[in-house]
Structures are given as structure tokens and as C-alpha cells.
Amino acid sequence: MKKHICILSIMLMLSSGFVAPVIADCPDEPMSCWGSPLDQGGARVYCGNITIGTCYDASRASCVPCDFKNSNNCANYVSSCNSRFPNCCKGDCWTAYKNWFGLKWTCSHDDTWMPPFWP
């Protein structure tokens, strides 16, 4: 009888998700928009944030912008920034995102660019 109770307890634990990891839906997050520099050679200007959807990426074990899950497709985010902040971006916005694990992504024409701060 003791053996059956033990097996039943293990089955209940496994079926309740105690052993398997639980993956919650990823929240919507802010992505910062950075406009053209005010002067030649100056730093890009912070325009504001857009809200983006994030999706769980098992290879990174974290939530990432949904368009970055399978490829680093920046077009939707850059377009959203340019539309939301037309006077600041002037059609040339760059975007930056940092998740809660500290992983960072940027959409820019300069692979070395990082924003001066993460709003």
C-alpha cells in the first residue's frame, strides 16, 4: 500500500507541474526611440518609448521582442518610432531594447551604437 501511495504522489506532482518549468506569457515592454543628432557628430536624441509585444525565446530562456525571436527584424519597430515621433525622428529613428535579464538589442545603421542610457 505504501508503494502505491508513493507512486500516486509522484504522479500528482508531475501532473501538477511541480517538476516541469512553468512559462508565463511575456509582458508588453517599452522600446526606446532615438532620433537624429541635433548637430553634426552629436549624440542621438531620446524621443520616447513605444510599447512592443515580447515573446518567450527558449534558446535565450527569456522574453525578447517578438520580431527578434526568429530573426533580428527591426523594420516594424523603426517604422513605429518614426510614426510615433515624426518631429524627433525625422524619418531616421534608431531603436533600443533591454530586457530584465540585461540582454540588449539595437536597430541602427551602426553595429557598435548603444544608447547613452536605458529609459
N, C-alpha and C. Protein backbone atom coordinates (compact mmCIF):
# COMPACT_ATOMS: atom_id res chain seq x y z
N MET A 1 0.82 -1.19 0.00
CA MET A 1 0.00 0.00 0.00
C MET A 1 0.87 1.26 0.00
N LYS A 2 1.96 1.22 0.79
CA LYS A 2 2.85 2.37 0.86
C LYS A 2 3.45 2.68 -0.52
N LYS A 3 3.77 1.65 -1.28
CA LYS A 3 4.35 1.81 -2.61
C LYS A 3 3.35 2.52 -3.54
N HIS A 4 2.09 2.19 -3.47
CA HIS A 4 1.07 2.80 -4.33
C HIS A 4 0.85 4.27 -3.97
N ILE A 5 0.91 4.59 -2.69
CA ILE A 5 0.75 5.99 -2.27
C ILE A 5 1.92 6.82 -2.78
N CYS A 6 3.14 6.28 -2.69
CA CYS A 6 4.32 6.98 -3.18
C CYS A 6 4.24 7.22 -4.68
N ILE A 7 3.88 6.22 -5.44
CA ILE A 7 3.75 6.36 -6.89
C ILE A 7 2.66 7.36 -7.23
N LEU A 8 1.53 7.30 -6.53
CA LEU A 8 0.43 8.23 -6.75
C LEU A 8 0.87 9.67 -6.44
N SER A 9 1.63 9.86 -5.37
CA SER A 9 2.13 11.19 -5.01
C SER A 9 3.05 11.75 -6.09
N ILE A 10 3.94 10.92 -6.61
CA ILE A 10 4.84 11.36 -7.68
C ILE A 10 4.05 11.71 -8.93
N MET A 11 3.06 10.92 -9.27
CA MET A 11 2.24 11.21 -10.45
C MET A 11 1.50 12.53 -10.28
N LEU A 12 0.98 12.82 -9.10
CA LEU A 12 0.29 14.08 -8.86
C LEU A 12 1.24 15.26 -8.97
N MET A 13 2.46 15.11 -8.45
CA MET A 13 3.45 16.19 -8.54
C MET A 13 3.79 16.47 -10.00
N LEU A 14 4.02 15.43 -10.77
CA LEU A 14 4.36 15.62 -12.17
C LEU A 14 3.20 16.24 -12.94
N SER A 15 2.00 15.80 -12.68
CA SER A 15 0.85 16.33 -13.42
C SER A 15 0.50 17.74 -12.99
N SER A 16 0.89 18.15 -11.78
CA SER A 16 0.58 19.50 -11.29
C SER A 16 1.61 20.51 -11.75
N GLY A 17 2.69 20.06 -12.37
CA GLY A 17 3.69 20.99 -12.87
C GLY A 17 4.79 21.32 -11.88
N PHE A 18 4.92 20.58 -10.80
CA PHE A 18 5.96 20.87 -9.83
C PHE A 18 7.35 20.61 -10.39
N VAL A 19 7.48 19.67 -11.30
CA VAL A 19 8.78 19.32 -11.85
C VAL A 19 9.02 20.05 -13.16
N ALA A 20 7.98 20.18 -13.96
CA ALA A 20 8.13 20.85 -15.26
C ALA A 20 8.16 22.36 -15.05
N PRO A 21 8.99 23.08 -15.80
CA PRO A 21 9.03 24.53 -15.66
C PRO A 21 7.73 25.16 -16.17
N VAL A 22 7.34 26.22 -15.53
CA VAL A 22 6.14 26.94 -15.93
C VAL A 22 6.58 28.21 -16.66
N ILE A 23 6.10 28.38 -17.87
CA ILE A 23 6.47 29.54 -18.68
C ILE A 23 5.24 30.43 -18.81
N ALA A 24 5.31 31.62 -18.26
CA ALA A 24 4.19 32.54 -18.31
C ALA A 24 4.24 33.33 -19.61
N ASP A 25 3.14 33.96 -19.93
CA ASP A 25 3.12 34.85 -21.09
C ASP A 25 4.09 35.99 -20.84
N CYS A 26 4.72 36.45 -21.89
CA CYS A 26 5.64 37.57 -21.76
C CYS A 26 4.84 38.88 -21.79
N PRO A 27 5.27 39.86 -21.01
CA PRO A 27 4.55 41.13 -20.96
C PRO A 27 4.90 42.04 -22.13
N ASP A 28 4.06 43.02 -22.37
CA ASP A 28 4.43 44.09 -23.29
C ASP A 28 5.50 44.92 -22.59
N GLU A 29 6.45 45.42 -23.37
CA GLU A 29 7.59 46.15 -22.80
C GLU A 29 7.84 47.43 -23.58
N PRO A 30 8.57 48.38 -22.98
CA PRO A 30 8.93 49.59 -23.72
C PRO A 30 10.18 49.37 -24.58
N MET A 31 10.19 50.00 -25.74
CA MET A 31 11.38 50.06 -26.58
C MET A 31 11.64 51.55 -26.81
N SER A 32 12.87 51.97 -26.61
CA SER A 32 13.18 53.39 -26.75
C SER A 32 13.48 53.76 -28.19
N CYS A 33 13.09 54.97 -28.53
CA CYS A 33 13.29 55.52 -29.88
C CYS A 33 14.30 56.65 -29.80
N TRP A 34 15.26 56.63 -30.72
CA TRP A 34 16.35 57.61 -30.72
C TRP A 34 16.41 58.31 -32.07
N GLY A 35 16.23 59.63 -32.04
CA GLY A 35 16.21 60.44 -33.26
C GLY A 35 17.58 60.90 -33.70
N SER A 36 17.58 61.56 -34.82
CA SER A 36 18.83 62.08 -35.40
C SER A 36 19.50 63.07 -34.46
N PRO A 37 20.83 63.13 -34.50
CA PRO A 37 21.55 64.11 -33.68
C PRO A 37 21.15 65.54 -34.06
N LEU A 38 21.18 66.43 -33.07
CA LEU A 38 20.84 67.83 -33.33
C LEU A 38 21.94 68.54 -34.12
N ASP A 39 23.17 68.09 -33.97
CA ASP A 39 24.27 68.69 -34.72
C ASP A 39 25.15 67.60 -35.32
N GLN A 40 25.96 67.97 -36.28
CA GLN A 40 26.84 67.03 -36.96
C GLN A 40 27.79 66.37 -35.95
N GLY A 41 27.78 65.06 -35.88
CA GLY A 41 28.66 64.33 -34.97
C GLY A 41 28.16 64.25 -33.54
N GLY A 42 26.99 64.79 -33.27
CA GLY A 42 26.44 64.76 -31.91
C GLY A 42 25.79 63.42 -31.60
N ALA A 43 25.38 63.30 -30.35
CA ALA A 43 24.70 62.08 -29.90
C ALA A 43 23.26 62.07 -30.37
N ARG A 44 22.71 60.90 -30.57
CA ARG A 44 21.31 60.77 -30.95
C ARG A 44 20.43 61.24 -29.80
N VAL A 45 19.26 61.73 -30.13
CA VAL A 45 18.34 62.32 -29.17
C VAL A 45 17.28 61.30 -28.76
N TYR A 46 17.03 61.18 -27.46
CA TYR A 46 15.97 60.29 -26.97
C TYR A 46 14.62 60.94 -27.28
N CYS A 47 13.78 60.21 -28.01
CA CYS A 47 12.47 60.73 -28.43
C CYS A 47 11.34 60.25 -27.51
N GLY A 48 11.43 59.04 -27.01
CA GLY A 48 10.39 58.46 -26.18
C GLY A 48 10.35 56.95 -26.38
N ASN A 49 9.33 56.31 -25.85
CA ASN A 49 9.19 54.86 -25.94
C ASN A 49 7.95 54.47 -26.72
N ILE A 50 8.02 53.31 -27.35
CA ILE A 50 6.84 52.66 -27.91
C ILE A 50 6.66 51.38 -27.11
N THR A 51 5.45 50.87 -27.07
CA THR A 51 5.18 49.62 -26.38
C THR A 51 5.18 48.50 -27.40
N ILE A 52 5.94 47.46 -27.12
CA ILE A 52 6.05 46.33 -28.05
C ILE A 52 5.65 45.04 -27.35
N GLY A 53 5.25 44.06 -28.12
CA GLY A 53 4.99 42.73 -27.59
C GLY A 53 6.28 41.95 -27.49
N THR A 54 6.39 41.15 -26.44
CA THR A 54 7.56 40.28 -26.31
C THR A 54 7.10 38.82 -26.29
N CYS A 55 7.96 37.94 -26.76
CA CYS A 55 7.66 36.52 -26.86
C CYS A 55 8.78 35.73 -26.20
N TYR A 56 8.41 34.58 -25.64
CA TYR A 56 9.42 33.74 -24.98
C TYR A 56 10.30 33.08 -26.02
N ASP A 57 11.60 33.16 -25.82
CA ASP A 57 12.59 32.54 -26.70
C ASP A 57 13.35 31.50 -25.86
N ALA A 58 13.09 30.23 -26.13
CA ALA A 58 13.69 29.15 -25.34
C ALA A 58 15.22 29.13 -25.48
N SER A 59 15.76 29.51 -26.62
CA SER A 59 17.21 29.48 -26.80
C SER A 59 17.91 30.52 -25.92
N ARG A 60 17.21 31.61 -25.60
CA ARG A 60 17.77 32.63 -24.71
C ARG A 60 17.20 32.53 -23.30
N ALA A 61 16.19 31.69 -23.13
CA ALA A 61 15.50 31.50 -21.86
C ALA A 61 15.00 32.81 -21.28
N SER A 62 14.44 33.65 -22.15
CA SER A 62 13.89 34.92 -21.69
C SER A 62 12.93 35.48 -22.73
N CYS A 63 12.26 36.54 -22.35
CA CYS A 63 11.34 37.22 -23.27
C CYS A 63 12.15 38.19 -24.13
N VAL A 64 11.87 38.21 -25.40
CA VAL A 64 12.54 39.10 -26.34
C VAL A 64 11.48 39.74 -27.23
N PRO A 65 11.80 40.85 -27.90
CA PRO A 65 10.84 41.41 -28.86
C PRO A 65 10.44 40.32 -29.86
N CYS A 66 9.16 40.22 -30.12
CA CYS A 66 8.65 39.11 -30.96
C CYS A 66 9.33 39.04 -32.33
N ASP A 67 9.61 40.18 -32.94
CA ASP A 67 10.28 40.17 -34.25
C ASP A 67 11.74 39.77 -34.16
N PHE A 68 12.30 39.68 -32.95
CA PHE A 68 13.68 39.26 -32.76
C PHE A 68 13.77 37.78 -32.43
N LYS A 69 12.64 37.13 -32.19
CA LYS A 69 12.67 35.73 -31.76
C LYS A 69 13.30 34.83 -32.82
N ASN A 70 12.91 34.98 -34.06
CA ASN A 70 13.43 34.12 -35.13
C ASN A 70 14.45 34.83 -36.00
N SER A 71 14.39 36.14 -36.04
CA SER A 71 15.37 36.92 -36.81
C SER A 71 15.40 38.32 -36.22
N ASN A 72 16.45 39.02 -36.45
CA ASN A 72 16.54 40.39 -35.94
C ASN A 72 15.91 41.36 -36.92
N ASN A 73 14.59 41.30 -37.02
CA ASN A 73 13.85 42.16 -37.93
C ASN A 73 13.45 43.45 -37.22
N CYS A 74 14.08 44.54 -37.60
CA CYS A 74 13.86 45.83 -36.94
C CYS A 74 12.82 46.69 -37.63
N ALA A 75 12.40 46.35 -38.81
CA ALA A 75 11.58 47.23 -39.64
C ALA A 75 10.32 47.72 -38.93
N ASN A 76 9.58 46.84 -38.26
CA ASN A 76 8.34 47.26 -37.59
C ASN A 76 8.60 48.24 -36.47
N TYR A 77 9.66 48.02 -35.69
CA TYR A 77 9.96 48.88 -34.56
C TYR A 77 10.43 50.26 -35.02
N VAL A 78 11.30 50.29 -36.01
CA VAL A 78 11.79 51.56 -36.55
C VAL A 78 10.62 52.34 -37.16
N SER A 79 9.77 51.67 -37.90
CA SER A 79 8.60 52.31 -38.51
C SER A 79 7.66 52.88 -37.44
N SER A 80 7.45 52.12 -36.37
CA SER A 80 6.59 52.59 -35.28
C SER A 80 7.17 53.82 -34.61
N CYS A 81 8.47 53.84 -34.38
CA CYS A 81 9.11 55.02 -33.79
C CYS A 81 9.00 56.23 -34.70
N ASN A 82 9.27 56.03 -35.99
CA ASN A 82 9.18 57.14 -36.93
C ASN A 82 7.76 57.70 -36.99
N SER A 83 6.75 56.84 -36.90
CA SER A 83 5.35 57.29 -36.93
C SER A 83 4.96 57.98 -35.63
N ARG A 84 5.39 57.44 -34.52
CA ARG A 84 5.00 57.98 -33.20
C ARG A 84 5.69 59.29 -32.90
N PHE A 85 6.93 59.47 -33.34
CA PHE A 85 7.71 60.67 -33.03
C PHE A 85 8.27 61.31 -34.31
N PRO A 86 7.40 61.77 -35.22
CA PRO A 86 7.89 62.28 -36.51
C PRO A 86 8.78 63.51 -36.39
N ASN A 87 8.51 64.40 -35.44
CA ASN A 87 9.32 65.62 -35.31
C ASN A 87 10.69 65.33 -34.72
N CYS A 88 10.78 64.33 -33.90
CA CYS A 88 12.06 63.98 -33.28
C CYS A 88 12.88 63.05 -34.18
N CYS A 89 12.22 62.05 -34.75
CA CYS A 89 12.94 61.06 -35.56
C CYS A 89 13.32 61.58 -36.94
N LYS A 90 12.46 62.39 -37.51
CA LYS A 90 12.67 62.91 -38.86
C LYS A 90 12.92 61.79 -39.86
N GLY A 91 12.21 60.64 -39.64
CA GLY A 91 12.32 59.50 -40.55
C GLY A 91 13.58 58.67 -40.39
N ASP A 92 14.37 58.93 -39.34
CA ASP A 92 15.64 58.23 -39.16
C ASP A 92 15.82 57.75 -37.72
N CYS A 93 14.77 57.20 -37.13
CA CYS A 93 14.88 56.72 -35.74
C CYS A 93 15.67 55.42 -35.66
N TRP A 94 16.40 55.27 -34.57
CA TRP A 94 17.03 54.03 -34.19
C TRP A 94 16.33 53.56 -32.92
N THR A 95 16.29 52.27 -32.69
CA THR A 95 15.59 51.77 -31.51
C THR A 95 16.53 50.97 -30.62
N ALA A 96 16.16 50.88 -29.34
CA ALA A 96 16.96 50.13 -28.38
C ALA A 96 16.02 49.45 -27.38
N TYR A 97 16.36 48.21 -27.03
CA TYR A 97 15.56 47.44 -26.09
C TYR A 97 16.48 46.68 -25.15
N LYS A 98 16.13 46.67 -23.87
CA LYS A 98 16.89 45.90 -22.88
C LYS A 98 15.88 45.14 -22.04
N ASN A 99 16.02 43.81 -21.99
CA ASN A 99 15.06 43.03 -21.20
C ASN A 99 15.52 42.95 -19.74
N TRP A 100 14.72 42.33 -18.91
CA TRP A 100 15.00 42.31 -17.48
C TRP A 100 16.19 41.43 -17.12
N PHE A 101 16.69 40.61 -18.06
CA PHE A 101 17.93 39.85 -17.83
C PHE A 101 19.16 40.66 -18.22
N GLY A 102 18.95 41.82 -18.82
CA GLY A 102 20.06 42.66 -19.23
C GLY A 102 20.50 42.43 -20.67
N LEU A 103 19.80 41.55 -21.41
CA LEU A 103 20.12 41.36 -22.82
C LEU A 103 19.69 42.60 -23.60
N LYS A 104 20.53 43.06 -24.51
CA LYS A 104 20.27 44.32 -25.21
C LYS A 104 20.22 44.10 -26.72
N TRP A 105 19.30 44.83 -27.37
CA TRP A 105 19.20 44.83 -28.82
C TRP A 105 19.06 46.25 -29.30
N THR A 106 19.69 46.55 -30.42
CA THR A 106 19.52 47.86 -31.05
C THR A 106 19.23 47.67 -32.53
N CYS A 107 18.51 48.62 -33.07
CA CYS A 107 18.26 48.67 -34.51
C CYS A 107 18.84 49.98 -34.99
N SER A 108 19.98 49.91 -35.64
CA SER A 108 20.64 51.12 -36.09
C SER A 108 21.48 50.81 -37.33
N HIS A 109 22.06 51.84 -37.89
CA HIS A 109 22.95 51.66 -39.05
C HIS A 109 24.40 51.50 -38.59
N ASP A 110 24.60 51.50 -37.26
CA ASP A 110 25.93 51.39 -36.68
C ASP A 110 25.91 50.23 -35.68
N ASP A 111 26.60 49.14 -36.01
CA ASP A 111 26.58 47.94 -35.16
C ASP A 111 27.18 48.15 -33.77
N THR A 112 27.95 49.20 -33.58
CA THR A 112 28.58 49.46 -32.29
C THR A 112 27.77 50.42 -31.42
N TRP A 113 26.70 50.99 -31.96
CA TRP A 113 25.93 52.01 -31.22
C TRP A 113 25.15 51.40 -30.07
N MET A 114 25.20 52.05 -28.93
CA MET A 114 24.36 51.77 -27.78
C MET A 114 23.85 53.11 -27.27
N PRO A 115 22.63 53.15 -26.77
CA PRO A 115 22.13 54.43 -26.26
C PRO A 115 22.93 54.85 -25.02
N PRO A 116 22.99 56.14 -24.75
CA PRO A 116 23.75 56.62 -23.58
C PRO A 116 23.08 56.23 -22.26
N PHE A 117 21.77 55.93 -22.28
CA PHE A 117 21.06 55.46 -21.10
C PHE A 117 19.89 54.61 -21.57
N TRP A 118 19.33 53.81 -20.66
CA TRP A 118 18.21 52.91 -20.97
C TRP A 118 16.97 53.39 -20.24
N PRO A 119 16.12 54.15 -20.92
CA PRO A 119 14.91 54.68 -20.26
C PRO A 119 13.92 53.59 -19.93
